[in-house]
Each structure stands twice: as C-alpha cells, then as structure tokens.
Amino acid sequence: QDHLEWEVSCILDARLRKGKLQYLVEWAGHQSDKD
C-alpha cells in the first residue's frame, strides 16, 4: 500500500474537536500567502 510522507515545518495551532486533537500546521517547503 502506497503512502505519502509530508514534513511539517511547525505547528501553528491545536484544538480539541469531537474528542480528537487537531493541528494547524505549516508544511515544510510550502510557500505561504501570509507575507
């Protein structure tokens, strides 16, 4: 079974939703429009 690997640059935020922890992340090598 094929799977993709992604590298996280940093975790921007985290929240608990429906009993599960979710993360807002910045992906390594991805350009952001926030500049």
Protein backbone atom coordinates (compact mmCIF):
# COMPACT_ATOMS: atom_id res chain seq x y z
CA GLN A 1 0.00 0.00 0.00
CA ASP A 2 1.44 3.35 -1.09
CA HIS A 3 1.50 6.27 1.28
CA LEU A 4 2.75 9.82 1.06
CA GLU A 5 5.05 11.39 3.62
CA TRP A 6 4.80 15.07 4.46
CA GLU A 7 7.25 17.11 6.51
CA VAL A 8 5.81 19.62 8.98
CA SER A 9 7.74 22.86 9.41
CA CYS A 10 5.89 23.95 12.56
CA ILE A 11 2.63 23.54 14.46
CA LEU A 12 0.67 26.81 14.35
CA ASP A 13 -2.32 25.86 16.50
CA ALA A 14 -4.12 22.91 18.08
CA ARG A 15 -7.73 22.28 19.10
CA LEU A 16 -9.86 19.54 20.57
CA ARG A 17 -12.83 18.65 18.35
CA LYS A 18 -15.22 15.76 18.94
CA GLY A 19 -12.74 14.25 21.38
CA LYS A 20 -9.85 14.33 18.90
CA LEU A 21 -6.86 16.65 18.81
CA GLN A 22 -6.46 18.52 15.52
CA TYR A 23 -3.41 20.52 14.47
CA LEU A 24 -2.99 23.51 12.18
CA VAL A 25 0.45 23.05 10.65
CA GLU A 26 2.81 24.77 8.25
CA TRP A 27 4.19 22.33 5.71
CA ALA A 28 7.92 22.36 5.02
CA GLY A 29 8.72 23.74 1.57
CA HIS A 30 5.24 25.23 1.07
CA GLN A 31 5.03 28.95 0.33
CA SER A 32 2.52 30.86 2.46
CA ASP A 33 0.44 33.83 1.29
CA LYS A 34 0.65 35.42 4.76
CA ASP A 35 3.76 37.50 3.97
